[in-house]
Amino acid sequence: MSCVAKFVLNIDHGICVLDTLTKSNSWNSVMGKDGFNKDGYDKQGYDKDGFSRNGYDRNGYDKDGIHIVTGTLVNTSGLNKDGNYEATGTPFNKEGYHKTTDTKFNEEGFDKDGFDKNGYYSDGFNKNGYDKNGYDKNGIHIATGTLVNAAGLNKDGNYETTGTKFNEEGFDKGGFDKQGYDKDGFNKYGYDKNSFDKDGTHFVTHTLFNTAGFNKDGFKKDGFNKDGFDKLGKKK
């Protein structure tokens, strides 16, 4: 029986696997609706279990996990059929480097011990059991030993006294009300509800007067407001 040879290059493991397929199982074989030919192989030459006619998967391992090149349970990179290093049993080698990223962190950003670069597990807690805001899994704050931090906020960011993110005065932890203004009437960008900053400069005109010609106190250049009164209450 004549055969055609094909090479399957596996980039992840950096090897070439030599496989032989009969002409009846070549690239030109007729594929069924399930993607396999009459002999049970797909276009790449693998059966439904992922093995070639010679019994090796795409990464060069047989059903017992023996690698075609090394003849052992690991490939030339030291990885077994599950993609783990034999020395550690994980995708991280003995030095703590990940097989794919070649850094101390995997694709999700966690190291061999499960911590991110800031020292938190995937569940958001550090090795001492506290999240980035200082609360443990039960909502106890590390500094106060209670369900609220020193500012009176619980783990959900709400004030205990109101049950919302706004305190009794109506301001959030950043010092802004529901409209986004602080106690002095300015938003986080430094402008009041009329678009004037603390120095009286208008956001749009970049002068001391808005587009209608009034300053932050509501007076025009002639010293009178929209009702025709000056600062002393005298009628124009």
Protein backbone atom coordinates (compact mmCIF):
# COMPACT_ATOMS: atom_id res chain seq x y z
CA MET A 1 0.00 0.00 0.00
CA SER A 2 1.45 3.35 -1.00
CA CYS A 3 1.67 6.11 1.57
CA VAL A 4 2.11 9.85 1.67
CA ALA A 5 4.01 11.53 4.47
CA LYS A 6 3.03 14.71 6.23
CA PHE A 7 4.70 16.81 8.91
CA VAL A 8 2.65 18.42 11.66
CA LEU A 9 4.42 21.39 13.20
CA ASN A 10 3.33 22.06 16.77
CA ILE A 11 4.37 25.64 17.59
CA ASP A 12 3.56 25.44 21.32
CA HIS A 13 5.94 22.54 21.90
CA GLY A 14 8.46 23.45 19.23
CA ILE A 15 8.68 20.02 17.56
CA CYS A 16 7.86 18.33 14.28
CA VAL A 17 5.91 15.08 14.34
CA LEU A 18 6.39 12.73 11.40
CA ASP A 19 3.21 10.88 10.58
CA THR A 20 2.27 8.62 7.70
CA LEU A 21 -1.14 8.45 6.13
CA THR A 22 -2.39 6.21 3.36
CA LYS A 23 -3.65 7.79 0.20
CA SER A 24 -7.16 6.88 1.24
CA ASN A 25 -6.66 9.21 4.18
CA SER A 26 -4.89 12.01 2.34
CA TRP A 27 -5.86 15.71 2.20
CA ASN A 28 -8.05 14.94 -0.78
CA SER A 29 -10.13 12.29 0.98
CA VAL A 30 -13.88 12.88 1.12
CA MET A 31 -14.98 14.16 4.50
CA GLY A 32 -18.32 13.37 6.05
CA LYS A 33 -20.64 15.87 7.71
CA ASP A 34 -18.87 15.27 11.03
CA GLY A 35 -15.54 16.33 9.50
CA PHE A 36 -14.05 12.82 9.35
CA ASN A 37 -13.41 10.55 6.39
CA LYS A 38 -14.50 6.93 6.04
CA ASP A 39 -11.48 5.76 8.01
CA GLY A 40 -12.34 8.09 10.89
CA TYR A 41 -9.70 10.81 10.39
CA ASP A 42 -10.08 14.56 9.92
CA LYS A 43 -8.21 16.70 7.40
CA GLN A 44 -5.22 16.92 9.71
CA GLY A 45 -5.13 13.14 10.05
CA TYR A 46 -6.49 12.78 13.58
CA ASP A 47 -9.39 10.68 14.83
CA LYS A 48 -12.14 11.75 17.22
CA ASP A 49 -9.87 11.05 20.18
CA GLY A 50 -7.22 13.33 18.74
CA PHE A 51 -4.73 10.65 17.71
CA SER A 52 -3.15 9.97 14.32
CA ARG A 53 -3.01 6.57 12.56
CA ASN A 54 0.32 6.01 14.29
CA GLY A 55 -1.18 6.79 17.69
CA TYR A 56 0.17 10.27 18.46
CA ASP A 57 -1.74 13.46 19.22
CA ARG A 58 -1.02 16.92 17.79
CA ASN A 59 1.62 17.53 20.44
CA GLY A 60 3.41 14.25 19.81
CA TYR A 61 2.13 12.23 22.78
CA ASP A 62 0.58 8.76 22.59
CA LYS A 63 -2.31 7.51 24.70
CA ASP A 64 0.07 6.66 27.54
CA GLY A 65 1.61 10.12 27.47
CA ILE A 66 4.89 9.00 25.88
CA HIS A 67 6.39 11.64 23.60
CA ILE A 68 7.40 10.62 20.08
CA VAL A 69 10.73 12.48 20.16
CA THR A 70 11.99 11.88 23.71
CA GLY A 71 10.40 8.50 24.37
CA THR A 72 9.53 9.75 27.86
CA LEU A 73 6.56 11.39 29.58
CA VAL A 74 7.83 14.86 28.69
CA ASN A 75 8.79 16.64 25.47
CA THR A 76 12.08 18.40 24.79
CA SER A 77 10.85 21.41 26.81
CA GLY A 78 10.11 19.26 29.86
CA LEU A 79 6.31 19.44 29.44
CA ASN A 80 4.02 16.44 29.79
CA LYS A 81 0.90 15.67 27.76
CA ASP A 82 -1.16 17.96 30.00
CA GLY A 83 1.17 20.86 29.29
CA ASN A 84 2.71 20.86 32.77
CA TYR A 85 6.36 20.70 33.78
CA GLU A 86 7.31 17.32 35.22
CA ALA A 87 9.39 18.99 37.92
CA THR A 88 6.51 21.09 39.29
CA GLY A 89 3.32 19.53 37.96
CA THR A 90 2.20 23.00 36.85
CA PRO A 91 2.61 25.29 33.81
CA PHE A 92 5.35 27.06 35.81
CA ASN A 93 8.90 25.73 35.81
CA LYS A 94 11.16 25.43 38.87
CA GLU A 95 12.24 29.05 38.48
CA GLY A 96 8.62 30.17 38.50
CA TYR A 97 8.38 31.12 34.83
CA HIS A 98 5.21 30.33 32.89
CA LYS A 99 5.48 28.12 29.80
CA THR A 100 3.48 30.49 27.57
CA THR A 101 4.27 34.00 28.80
CA ASP A 102 7.89 33.27 29.83
CA THR A 103 7.31 35.58 32.79
CA LYS A 104 6.45 35.05 36.45
CA PHE A 105 2.77 35.47 35.58
CA ASN A 106 0.35 33.45 33.46
CA GLU A 107 -2.03 34.82 30.82
CA GLU A 108 -4.47 35.90 33.55
CA GLY A 109 -1.75 37.76 35.44
CA PHE A 110 -1.22 35.33 38.34
CA ASP A 111 2.04 33.75 39.48
CA LYS A 112 2.76 30.14 40.46
CA ASP A 113 1.26 30.72 43.90
CA GLY A 114 -1.89 32.33 42.51
CA PHE A 115 -1.07 35.96 43.30
CA ASP A 116 -1.20 38.92 40.92
CA LYS A 117 1.51 41.59 40.84
CA ASN A 118 -0.20 43.43 43.69
CA GLY A 119 -0.32 40.36 45.90
CA TYR A 120 -3.99 39.41 45.51
CA TYR A 121 -5.53 36.04 44.64
CA SER A 122 -8.06 35.69 41.84
CA ASP A 123 -10.81 36.09 44.46
CA GLY A 124 -9.44 39.55 45.32
CA PHE A 125 -7.92 38.73 48.71
CA ASN A 126 -4.25 38.74 49.72
CA LYS A 127 -2.41 36.05 51.67
CA ASN A 128 -3.60 37.63 54.92
CA GLY A 129 -7.21 37.43 53.80
CA TYR A 130 -7.91 41.10 53.07
CA ASP A 131 -9.00 42.79 49.84
CA LYS A 132 -7.47 45.95 48.43
CA ASN A 133 -9.80 48.07 50.60
CA GLY A 134 -8.84 46.26 53.79
CA TYR A 135 -11.93 44.05 54.26
CA ASP A 136 -11.87 40.30 54.84
CA LYS A 137 -14.39 37.80 53.44
CA ASN A 138 -16.78 38.57 56.28
CA GLY A 139 -16.60 42.30 55.68
CA ILE A 140 -14.49 43.03 58.75
CA HIS A 141 -12.09 45.92 58.20
CA ILE A 142 -8.45 45.40 59.09
CA ALA A 143 -8.07 48.78 60.85
CA THR A 144 -11.32 49.06 62.79
CA GLY A 145 -12.17 45.42 63.42
CA THR A 146 -15.77 46.25 62.52
CA LEU A 147 -17.98 46.15 59.43
CA VAL A 148 -17.00 49.70 58.49
CA ASN A 149 -13.71 51.46 57.90
CA ALA A 150 -12.54 54.62 59.64
CA ALA A 151 -14.70 56.70 57.29
CA GLY A 152 -17.83 54.70 58.15
CA LEU A 153 -17.98 52.76 54.86
CA ASN A 154 -18.69 49.02 54.63
CA LYS A 155 -17.14 46.54 52.18
CA ASP A 156 -19.70 47.51 49.53
CA GLY A 157 -18.67 51.15 49.76
CA ASN A 158 -21.86 52.27 51.49
CA TYR A 159 -22.21 54.30 54.68
CA GLU A 160 -23.58 52.31 57.60
CA THR A 161 -25.76 55.24 58.67
CA THR A 162 -27.54 55.63 55.31
CA GLY A 163 -27.08 52.31 53.54
CA THR A 164 -25.96 54.21 50.44
CA LYS A 165 -22.70 55.61 49.09
CA PHE A 166 -23.76 59.04 50.37
CA ASN A 167 -23.38 60.10 54.00
CA GLU A 168 -25.94 61.95 56.10
CA GLU A 169 -24.79 65.25 54.58
CA GLY A 170 -25.37 63.84 51.09
CA PHE A 171 -21.73 63.44 50.03
CA ASP A 172 -19.91 60.31 48.90
CA LYS A 173 -16.46 59.17 50.05
CA GLY A 174 -14.89 61.44 47.47
CA GLY A 175 -16.76 64.43 48.90
CA PHE A 176 -19.27 64.87 46.05
CA ASP A 177 -23.08 64.94 46.13
CA LYS A 178 -25.44 63.17 43.73
CA GLN A 179 -25.03 65.98 41.21
CA GLY A 180 -21.27 65.66 41.41
CA TYR A 181 -20.49 68.82 43.39
CA ASP A 182 -18.52 69.17 46.62
CA LYS A 183 -19.35 71.23 49.69
CA ASP A 184 -17.98 74.33 47.99
CA GLY A 185 -20.12 73.75 44.92
CA PHE A 186 -17.40 72.57 42.55
CA ASN A 187 -17.22 69.34 40.57
CA LYS A 188 -14.16 67.09 40.20
CA TYR A 189 -12.97 69.26 37.33
CA GLY A 190 -13.11 72.39 39.47
CA TYR A 191 -16.18 74.07 38.00
CA ASP A 192 -19.47 75.09 39.64
CA LYS A 193 -22.95 74.45 38.23
CA ASN A 194 -22.62 77.65 36.16
CA SER A 195 -19.26 76.51 34.72
CA PHE A 196 -17.09 78.98 36.66
CA ASP A 197 -13.94 77.85 38.48
CA LYS A 198 -12.76 79.09 41.88
CA ASP A 199 -11.08 82.09 40.27
CA GLY A 200 -14.24 83.04 38.41
CA THR A 201 -12.98 81.96 34.99
CA HIS A 202 -15.68 80.50 32.77
CA PHE A 203 -15.19 77.06 31.23
CA VAL A 204 -16.35 78.07 27.75
CA THR A 205 -15.16 81.66 27.34
CA HIS A 206 -11.97 81.43 29.44
CA THR A 207 -12.79 84.90 30.75
CA LEU A 208 -14.52 86.21 33.87
CA PHE A 209 -17.82 86.32 31.98
CA ASN A 210 -20.01 83.63 30.47
CA THR A 211 -21.43 83.65 26.95
CA ALA A 212 -24.31 85.87 28.13
CA GLY A 213 -21.89 88.41 29.60
CA PHE A 214 -22.40 87.66 33.31
CA ASN A 215 -19.66 86.87 35.84
CA LYS A 216 -19.76 84.16 38.53
CA ASP A 217 -21.80 86.43 40.81
CA GLY A 218 -24.33 87.17 38.09
CA PHE A 219 -23.25 90.70 37.19
CA LYS A 220 -22.30 92.17 33.84
CA LYS A 221 -19.35 94.44 33.17
CA ASP A 222 -21.52 97.50 33.94
CA GLY A 223 -22.11 96.11 37.46
CA PHE A 224 -25.78 95.22 37.09
CA ASN A 225 -27.46 91.82 37.14
CA LYS A 226 -30.16 90.47 34.84
CA ASP A 227 -32.86 92.25 36.91
CA GLY A 228 -31.09 95.59 36.63
CA PHE A 229 -29.74 95.83 40.19
CA ASP A 230 -26.15 96.37 41.29
CA LYS A 231 -24.38 94.75 44.25
CA LEU A 232 -25.86 97.30 46.63
CA GLY A 233 -29.37 96.65 45.39
CA LYS A 234 -29.72 99.91 43.54
CA LYS A 235 -31.85 99.90 40.42
CA LYS A 236 -30.13 100.75 37.16
